[in-house]
Amino acid sequence: MPIYSYQALKAGKEVIKGEVTASNLKDAREIIRKMGLVPTQISEANDAKSKKTAGLGVLSLTEKIDFISTLQILLTSGIPAVESLMFMEQEAAKRKIRDLSRTIKTQIMAGSTFADTLARYPNTFGYIFIGLVKAGEEAGELEKTLGRIKDLLTKQNNTKSKVIGTLIYPVFVILLACVIILIMLLFVFPAFKDMFEQQEKTLPWITQMMINAGDFLKEYWYTIPIFVIAFVAFCYFTYNWKPAREVLDKAVLKIPLFNNLIMYSNYSNFMSVLSVSYDAGIPVVDCLHLGVVTLTNSVLQTKISGAITKVSQGLQVSQALKSTKVMPKMLLFMVATGEQSGRLGEMLEKAVNFLDRTLDSIIETVTKMIEPIMLLVIGSIVLVMALALYLPLFQSYMTE
């Protein structure tokens, strides 16, 4: 059935916007009136226009967790879905959550199921979210499934925070080093330039290079923001251009220590989705399809996708994953044990716990390794700057 966008008055003064599903314009108008609204404008919306009218946008992990947590608490308390969404529409702290609740409530009141409503907005919720909700609704345990989704999203958010937290320190140190270099080149070396020229001696090459660099940056200062913008644009282009991303992902997996950080953070999300979706009663092939969506490394994503094809052809999950040659042996052993014993769901949960412990250990090791490396980088920069600054002075003292 077509979707109709509408604008209506509530209580004669409040303007309400939303969507309803109806067979024709007349039925859409009748549905809106049954909602206690006075329609002022109704028009048929195609999918693209529907998304724009709803104005849902993309939800962050935190916003999804907030939405799911509140909805799950209300549903578990025995409050009907429509009333729960109505409460969230009026009381939610974030406007995006209020708009989201209003849109879903309108669709449900028009006759759509919760899962079907979410399926209209894949860019907002994501296919994993929608797939799990659909499975839970069909099984008659929506509240329990929402709890699983909340735990899954919370875990993904924690994993993301851990990885980002590990990488923030080196990025901060590198940015600090760049600022120090710019200050030295633009202000410190020019202050010593006249004194160096009075010595009437050839300056050491490193000192001359720093002075020339400082003079260049002072005259062409606009090259600094241009370089920063170009560098950010290059990184963005490299990250989003598929051929470059594949090369980058392949290179990252060859860097010692960091390859484990990337691989195990990917595996952690993959196995978590696999465990939750399997527990929700979704067929194993569909579970694998949902899990592969979480993989951010294109190399791992391609290999696991190949394994899913083999599973759909009848091969066991453990054997298919083993053929990728990228899965840790411990995970393969756990999956194989679960398949043979008929306790795959239980073993998947244990695999998730194993990955969490392993990832925590890797993050701790990486953090410990980064600190001395960053100290070495800062020390090297300070040494080069000190040599460039004091070598002319030492040269002057030695000739006197």
Protein backbone atom coordinates (compact mmCIF):
# COMPACT_ATOMS: atom_id res chain seq x y z
CA MET A 1 0.00 0.00 0.00
CA PRO A 2 1.19 3.56 -0.68
CA ILE A 3 2.48 5.84 2.05
CA TYR A 4 0.87 9.24 2.56
CA SER A 5 2.61 12.20 4.19
CA TYR A 6 0.31 14.47 6.12
CA GLN A 7 0.16 17.69 8.08
CA ALA A 8 -2.65 17.99 10.63
CA LEU A 9 -3.85 19.97 13.63
CA LYS A 10 -4.05 18.48 17.10
CA ALA A 11 -6.49 20.09 19.55
CA GLY A 12 -7.01 22.81 16.99
CA LYS A 13 -3.59 24.43 17.48
CA GLU A 14 -0.62 22.01 17.47
CA VAL A 15 0.74 21.16 14.00
CA ILE A 16 1.52 17.44 13.60
CA LYS A 17 3.48 15.93 10.70
CA GLY A 18 3.73 12.23 9.93
CA GLU A 19 2.93 9.37 7.60
CA VAL A 20 0.18 6.78 7.25
CA THR A 21 -0.20 3.72 5.08
CA ALA A 22 -3.53 3.50 3.25
CA SER A 23 -5.00 2.11 0.04
CA ASN A 24 -6.05 5.54 -1.20
CA LEU A 25 -6.23 9.21 -0.27
CA LYS A 26 -9.73 8.91 1.19
CA ASP A 27 -8.72 6.09 3.53
CA ALA A 28 -5.61 8.04 4.57
CA ARG A 29 -7.77 11.02 5.52
CA GLU A 30 -10.10 8.75 7.52
CA ILE A 31 -7.20 7.15 9.38
CA ILE A 32 -5.83 10.57 10.33
CA ARG A 33 -9.23 11.67 11.62
CA LYS A 34 -9.52 8.50 13.75
CA MET A 35 -6.25 9.52 15.38
CA GLY A 36 -8.00 12.63 16.69
CA LEU A 37 -6.31 14.93 14.17
CA VAL A 38 -7.68 17.37 11.63
CA PRO A 39 -5.79 16.86 8.34
CA THR A 40 -4.79 20.05 6.53
CA GLN A 41 -2.49 18.60 3.90
CA ILE A 42 -2.09 15.03 2.55
CA SER A 43 0.12 13.85 -0.29
CA GLU A 44 1.43 10.50 -1.50
CA ALA A 45 5.11 10.04 -0.75
CA ASN A 46 7.61 7.82 -2.53
CA ASP A 47 10.35 6.17 -0.49
CA ALA A 48 12.86 8.97 -0.88
CA LYS A 49 10.32 11.65 -0.04
CA SER A 50 9.03 9.57 2.86
CA LYS A 51 12.45 9.46 4.46
CA LYS A 52 12.89 13.16 3.99
CA THR A 53 9.49 13.99 5.48
CA ALA A 54 10.07 11.80 8.51
CA GLY A 55 13.40 13.51 9.00
CA LEU A 56 14.80 10.60 10.98
CA GLY A 57 18.36 10.77 9.70
CA VAL A 58 21.02 8.43 11.01
CA LEU A 59 20.96 7.45 14.67
CA SER A 60 24.20 7.15 16.60
CA LEU A 61 24.87 4.09 18.74
CA THR A 62 24.11 6.11 21.87
CA GLU A 63 20.78 7.32 20.46
CA LYS A 64 19.81 3.79 19.46
CA ILE A 65 20.65 2.55 22.97
CA ASP A 66 18.58 5.35 24.55
CA PHE A 67 15.61 4.61 22.28
CA ILE A 68 15.72 0.83 22.77
CA SER A 69 16.33 1.02 26.54
CA THR A 70 13.34 3.29 27.16
CA LEU A 71 11.03 1.36 24.84
CA GLN A 72 12.03 -2.00 26.34
CA ILE A 73 11.40 -0.78 29.90
CA LEU A 74 7.95 0.53 28.96
CA LEU A 75 6.96 -2.62 27.05
CA THR A 76 8.23 -4.89 29.83
CA SER A 77 6.08 -2.90 32.28
CA GLY A 78 3.01 -3.96 30.30
CA ILE A 79 2.41 -0.63 28.53
CA PRO A 80 1.18 -1.10 24.92
CA ALA A 81 3.55 -0.15 22.12
CA VAL A 82 1.51 2.83 20.91
CA GLU A 83 1.21 4.31 24.41
CA SER A 84 4.93 3.69 25.03
CA LEU A 85 5.84 5.53 21.85
CA MET A 86 3.40 8.31 22.68
CA PHE A 87 5.09 8.75 26.07
CA MET A 88 8.54 8.85 24.39
CA GLU A 89 7.23 11.31 21.81
CA GLN A 90 6.30 13.71 24.60
CA GLU A 91 8.97 13.06 27.22
CA ALA A 92 12.19 11.98 25.47
CA ALA A 93 15.11 14.33 26.13
CA LYS A 94 16.39 14.40 22.54
CA ARG A 95 14.32 15.84 19.73
CA LYS A 96 15.49 13.12 17.33
CA ILE A 97 14.10 10.45 19.66
CA ARG A 98 10.80 12.34 19.95
CA ASP A 99 10.50 12.62 16.17
CA LEU A 100 11.42 8.96 15.78
CA SER A 101 8.79 7.87 18.32
CA ARG A 102 6.11 9.99 16.64
CA THR A 103 6.87 8.52 13.20
CA ILE A 104 6.82 4.91 14.39
CA LYS A 105 3.66 5.49 16.46
CA THR A 106 1.89 6.95 13.43
CA GLN A 107 2.81 3.97 11.26
CA ILE A 108 1.69 1.44 13.88
CA MET A 109 -1.63 3.24 14.39
CA ALA A 110 -2.10 3.09 10.62
CA GLY A 111 -1.86 -0.71 10.74
CA SER A 112 1.84 -1.45 10.21
CA THR A 113 3.80 -3.73 12.48
CA PHE A 114 6.75 -2.44 14.46
CA ALA A 115 9.24 -4.37 12.31
CA ASP A 116 7.64 -3.26 9.03
CA THR A 117 7.82 0.35 10.17
CA LEU A 118 11.52 0.07 10.99
CA ALA A 119 12.15 -1.64 7.65
CA ARG A 120 11.10 1.57 5.88
CA TYR A 121 14.09 3.35 7.39
CA PRO A 122 17.16 1.08 6.87
CA ASN A 123 19.53 4.06 6.90
CA THR A 124 18.26 5.05 10.34
CA PHE A 125 18.21 1.69 12.13
CA GLY A 126 20.48 -0.60 10.10
CA TYR A 127 19.72 -4.07 8.78
CA ILE A 128 20.91 -5.85 11.94
CA PHE A 129 18.52 -3.87 14.11
CA ILE A 130 15.61 -4.44 11.73
CA GLY A 131 16.34 -8.15 11.27
CA LEU A 132 16.46 -8.85 15.00
CA VAL A 133 13.26 -6.88 15.67
CA LYS A 134 11.45 -8.76 12.91
CA ALA A 135 12.56 -12.12 14.34
CA GLY A 136 11.51 -11.11 17.86
CA GLU A 137 8.12 -9.84 16.71
CA GLU A 138 7.40 -13.00 14.73
CA ALA A 139 8.39 -15.15 17.73
CA GLY A 140 6.13 -13.13 20.04
CA GLU A 141 8.99 -12.01 22.29
CA LEU A 142 9.62 -8.44 21.20
CA GLU A 143 10.50 -7.23 24.71
CA LYS A 144 13.12 -9.96 25.13
CA THR A 145 14.57 -9.23 21.69
CA LEU A 146 14.79 -5.51 22.46
CA GLY A 147 16.77 -6.44 25.57
CA ARG A 148 19.15 -8.50 23.42
CA ILE A 149 19.53 -5.61 20.99
CA LYS A 150 20.22 -3.19 23.84
CA ASP A 151 22.94 -5.48 25.22
CA LEU A 152 24.41 -5.91 21.73
CA LEU A 153 24.49 -2.18 21.00
CA THR A 154 25.96 -1.45 24.44
CA LYS A 155 28.71 -3.98 23.82
CA GLN A 156 29.45 -2.56 20.36
CA ASN A 157 29.59 0.92 21.85
CA ASN A 158 32.00 -0.26 24.56
CA THR A 159 34.22 -1.99 21.99
CA LYS A 160 34.24 1.11 19.81
CA SER A 161 35.10 3.31 22.81
CA LYS A 162 37.97 1.03 23.81
CA VAL A 163 39.52 1.04 20.33
CA ILE A 164 39.07 4.81 19.89
CA GLY A 165 40.44 5.42 23.38
CA THR A 166 43.55 3.41 22.50
CA LEU A 167 44.14 5.44 19.33
CA ILE A 168 43.39 8.86 20.84
CA TYR A 169 46.69 9.03 22.73
CA PRO A 170 49.02 8.63 19.69
CA VAL A 171 46.86 10.99 17.62
CA PHE A 172 47.01 13.62 20.38
CA VAL A 173 50.80 13.24 20.68
CA ILE A 174 51.27 13.59 16.92
CA LEU A 175 49.10 16.73 16.82
CA LEU A 176 51.01 18.16 19.79
CA ALA A 177 54.30 17.44 18.04
CA CYS A 178 53.08 19.26 14.91
CA VAL A 179 52.09 22.30 17.00
CA ILE A 180 55.50 22.33 18.73
CA ILE A 181 57.29 22.17 15.37
CA LEU A 182 55.22 25.06 13.99
CA ILE A 183 55.92 27.21 17.08
CA MET A 184 59.64 26.52 16.81
CA LEU A 185 59.75 27.30 13.09
CA LEU A 186 57.56 30.42 13.19
CA PHE A 187 58.72 32.07 16.42
CA VAL A 188 61.82 30.51 18.02
CA PHE A 189 64.19 30.17 15.05
CA PRO A 190 63.38 33.65 13.64
CA ALA A 191 64.28 35.11 17.07
CA PHE A 192 67.77 33.58 16.79
CA LYS A 193 68.18 34.34 13.10
CA ASP A 194 69.87 37.78 13.57
CA MET A 195 72.29 36.36 16.14
CA PHE A 196 73.25 33.53 13.80
CA GLU A 197 73.84 36.00 10.93
CA GLN A 198 76.16 38.12 13.10
CA GLN A 199 78.51 35.16 13.48
CA GLU A 200 79.26 35.40 9.74
CA LYS A 201 79.81 31.67 9.56
CA THR A 202 78.19 28.95 7.56
CA LEU A 203 75.35 27.55 9.55
CA PRO A 204 74.92 23.78 10.03
CA TRP A 205 72.65 22.33 7.38
CA ILE A 206 69.99 21.35 9.90
CA THR A 207 69.84 24.91 11.31
CA GLN A 208 69.69 26.46 7.85
CA MET A 209 66.90 24.07 6.86
CA MET A 210 64.84 25.07 9.91
CA ILE A 211 65.34 28.79 9.26
CA ASN A 212 64.38 28.41 5.60
CA ALA A 213 61.30 26.43 6.56
CA GLY A 214 60.29 29.10 9.08
CA ASP A 215 60.78 31.89 6.51
CA PHE A 216 58.70 29.99 3.98
CA LEU A 217 55.84 29.39 6.42
CA LYS A 218 55.86 33.02 7.56
CA GLU A 219 55.60 34.28 4.01
CA TYR A 220 53.22 31.61 2.77
CA TRP A 221 51.27 31.01 5.98
CA TYR A 222 48.14 30.07 4.05
CA THR A 223 49.82 26.85 2.98
CA ILE A 224 49.31 25.50 6.53
CA PRO A 225 45.46 25.41 6.45
CA ILE A 226 45.61 24.31 2.80
CA PHE A 227 47.85 21.38 3.78
CA VAL A 228 45.59 20.44 6.71
CA ILE A 229 42.45 20.53 4.54
CA ALA A 230 44.21 18.57 1.77
CA PHE A 231 45.42 15.96 4.25
CA VAL A 232 41.94 15.52 5.77
CA ALA A 233 40.40 15.30 2.30
CA PHE A 234 43.00 12.73 1.24
CA CYS A 235 42.29 10.59 4.33
CA TYR A 236 38.54 10.84 3.73
CA PHE A 237 38.92 9.95 0.05
CA THR A 238 41.24 7.04 0.84
CA TYR A 239 38.86 5.71 3.48
CA ASN A 240 35.77 5.91 1.25
CA TRP A 241 37.23 4.96 -2.14
CA LYS A 242 36.85 1.19 -2.34
CA PRO A 243 40.14 0.28 -4.14
CA ALA A 244 42.19 2.46 -1.78
CA ARG A 245 40.26 1.16 1.24
CA GLU A 246 41.01 -2.44 0.27
CA VAL A 247 44.73 -1.70 -0.01
CA LEU A 248 44.67 0.12 3.33
CA ASP A 249 42.74 -2.69 5.05
CA LYS A 250 45.15 -5.28 3.70
CA ALA A 251 48.16 -3.25 4.86
CA VAL A 252 46.74 -2.76 8.37
CA LEU A 253 46.43 -6.52 8.82
CA LYS A 254 50.19 -6.84 8.28
CA ILE A 255 51.20 -4.41 11.04
CA PRO A 256 52.25 -6.38 14.14
CA LEU A 257 50.06 -5.87 17.21
CA PHE A 258 47.72 -3.45 15.45
CA ASN A 259 46.53 -6.27 13.19
CA ASN A 260 45.27 -8.15 16.26
CA LEU A 261 43.51 -5.02 17.51
CA ILE A 262 41.68 -4.61 14.19
CA MET A 263 40.92 -8.31 13.74
CA TYR A 264 39.65 -9.03 17.24
CA SER A 265 37.53 -5.86 17.40
CA ASN A 266 35.91 -7.00 14.13
CA TYR A 267 35.48 -10.56 15.37
CA SER A 268 33.98 -9.31 18.63
CA ASN A 269 31.17 -7.46 16.83
CA PHE A 270 30.70 -10.30 14.32
CA MET A 271 30.36 -13.04 16.95
CA SER A 272 28.14 -10.86 19.17
CA VAL A 273 25.62 -10.35 16.37
CA LEU A 274 25.90 -14.02 15.43
CA SER A 275 25.17 -15.07 19.03
CA VAL A 276 22.26 -12.66 19.58
CA SER A 277 20.58 -13.37 16.23
CA TYR A 278 20.96 -17.15 16.62
CA ASP A 279 19.47 -16.92 20.11
CA ALA A 280 16.56 -14.96 18.61
CA GLY A 281 15.75 -17.91 16.35
CA ILE A 282 17.07 -16.53 13.06
CA PRO A 283 18.40 -19.18 10.61
CA VAL A 284 22.17 -19.55 10.77
CA VAL A 285 22.77 -18.30 7.21
CA ASP A 286 20.80 -15.14 7.95
CA CYS A 287 22.72 -14.80 11.23
CA LEU A 288 25.98 -14.84 9.28
CA HIS A 289 24.64 -12.25 6.83
CA LEU A 290 23.74 -9.96 9.74
CA GLY A 291 27.12 -10.53 11.37
CA VAL A 292 29.15 -9.74 8.26
CA VAL A 293 27.53 -6.28 8.10
CA THR A 294 29.41 -5.34 11.30
CA LEU A 295 32.84 -6.08 9.80
CA THR A 296 34.66 -2.83 9.03
CA ASN A 297 37.74 -4.40 7.43
CA SER A 298 37.04 -5.12 3.75
CA VAL A 299 39.47 -8.05 3.64
CA LEU A 300 37.75 -9.84 6.51
CA GLN A 301 34.34 -8.93 5.10
CA THR A 302 35.15 -10.48 1.71
CA LYS A 303 36.51 -13.69 3.22
CA ILE A 304 33.59 -14.17 5.63
CA SER A 305 31.11 -13.44 2.82
CA GLY A 306 32.73 -16.26 0.86
CA ALA A 307 32.26 -18.56 3.86
CA ILE A 308 28.53 -17.68 4.02
CA THR A 309 28.14 -18.87 0.42
CA LYS A 310 29.65 -22.22 1.41
CA VAL A 311 27.30 -22.52 4.42
CA SER A 312 24.30 -21.85 2.18
CA GLN A 313 25.54 -24.72 -0.02
CA GLY A 314 25.47 -27.14 2.92
CA LEU A 315 28.90 -26.85 4.53
CA GLN A 316 29.11 -26.62 8.32
CA VAL A 317 29.71 -23.17 9.78
CA SER A 318 32.98 -24.17 11.43
CA GLN A 319 34.35 -25.70 8.22
CA ALA A 320 33.28 -22.70 6.14
CA LEU A 321 34.91 -20.25 8.57
CA LYS A 322 38.04 -22.41 8.70
CA SER A 323 38.38 -22.15 4.92
CA THR A 324 38.78 -18.36 5.22
CA LYS A 325 42.11 -18.85 7.05
CA VAL A 326 41.54 -15.61 8.98
CA MET A 327 39.56 -16.88 11.99
CA PRO A 328 41.40 -17.68 15.26
CA LYS A 329 41.65 -21.41 15.94
CA MET A 330 40.02 -21.04 19.35
CA LEU A 331 36.89 -19.58 17.77
CA LEU A 332 36.77 -22.33 15.17
CA PHE A 333 37.10 -24.95 17.90
CA MET A 334 34.25 -23.41 19.91
CA VAL A 335 31.94 -23.21 16.88
CA ALA A 336 32.78 -26.79 15.84
CA THR A 337 32.14 -28.03 19.39
CA GLY A 338 28.79 -26.25 19.48
CA GLU A 339 27.73 -27.77 16.17
CA GLN A 340 28.71 -31.30 17.18
CA SER A 341 27.07 -31.10 20.62
CA GLY A 342 23.95 -29.28 19.47
CA ARG A 343 24.75 -26.33 21.78
CA LEU A 344 25.85 -23.82 19.17
CA GLY A 345 24.07 -20.90 20.87
CA GLU A 346 25.83 -21.59 24.17
CA MET A 347 29.24 -21.92 22.51
CA LEU A 348 28.72 -18.71 20.53
CA GLU A 349 28.08 -16.89 23.80
CA LYS A 350 31.29 -18.36 25.26
CA ALA A 351 33.15 -17.32 22.10
CA VAL A 352 31.95 -13.75 22.62
CA ASN A 353 33.25 -13.78 26.22
CA PHE A 354 36.58 -15.19 24.99
CA LEU A 355 36.88 -12.42 22.39
CA ASP A 356 36.08 -9.74 24.98
CA ARG A 357 38.84 -10.97 27.28
CA THR A 358 41.29 -11.27 24.40
CA LEU A 359 40.45 -7.81 23.07
CA ASP A 360 40.93 -6.26 26.53
CA SER A 361 44.35 -7.92 26.75
CA ILE A 362 45.32 -6.68 23.26
CA ILE A 363 44.22 -3.12 24.05
CA GLU A 364 46.24 -3.16 27.28
CA THR A 365 49.32 -4.41 25.40
CA VAL A 366 48.92 -1.86 22.60
CA THR A 367 48.52 0.94 25.15
CA LYS A 368 51.72 -0.11 26.92
CA MET A 369 53.60 -0.29 23.60
CA ILE A 370 52.32 3.09 22.38
CA GLU A 371 53.63 5.03 25.39
CA PRO A 372 57.37 4.34 24.84
CA ILE A 373 56.96 4.77 21.08
CA MET A 374 55.37 8.19 21.56
CA LEU A 375 58.08 9.16 24.05
CA LEU A 376 60.66 8.17 21.45
CA VAL A 377 58.92 10.28 18.80
CA ILE A 378 58.69 13.37 21.04
CA GLY A 379 62.28 12.86 22.21
CA SER A 380 63.51 12.67 18.61
CA ILE A 381 61.69 15.89 17.70
CA VAL A 382 63.11 17.69 20.74
CA LEU A 383 66.60 16.40 19.91
CA VAL A 384 66.43 17.60 16.29
CA MET A 385 65.15 21.03 17.32
CA ALA A 386 67.77 21.34 20.06
CA LEU A 387 70.58 20.40 17.68
CA ALA A 388 69.35 22.88 15.08
CA LEU A 389 69.21 25.64 17.72
CA TYR A 390 72.43 25.02 19.63
CA LEU A 391 74.86 23.67 17.00
CA PRO A 392 75.68 27.23 15.77
CA LEU A 393 76.39 28.28 19.35
CA PHE A 394 78.67 25.29 19.97
CA GLN A 395 80.39 26.01 16.65
CA SER A 396 81.01 29.60 17.75
CA TYR A 397 82.47 28.59 21.13
CA MET A 398 84.78 26.02 19.54
CA THR A 399 86.31 28.57 17.12
CA GLU A 400 87.00 31.18 19.77
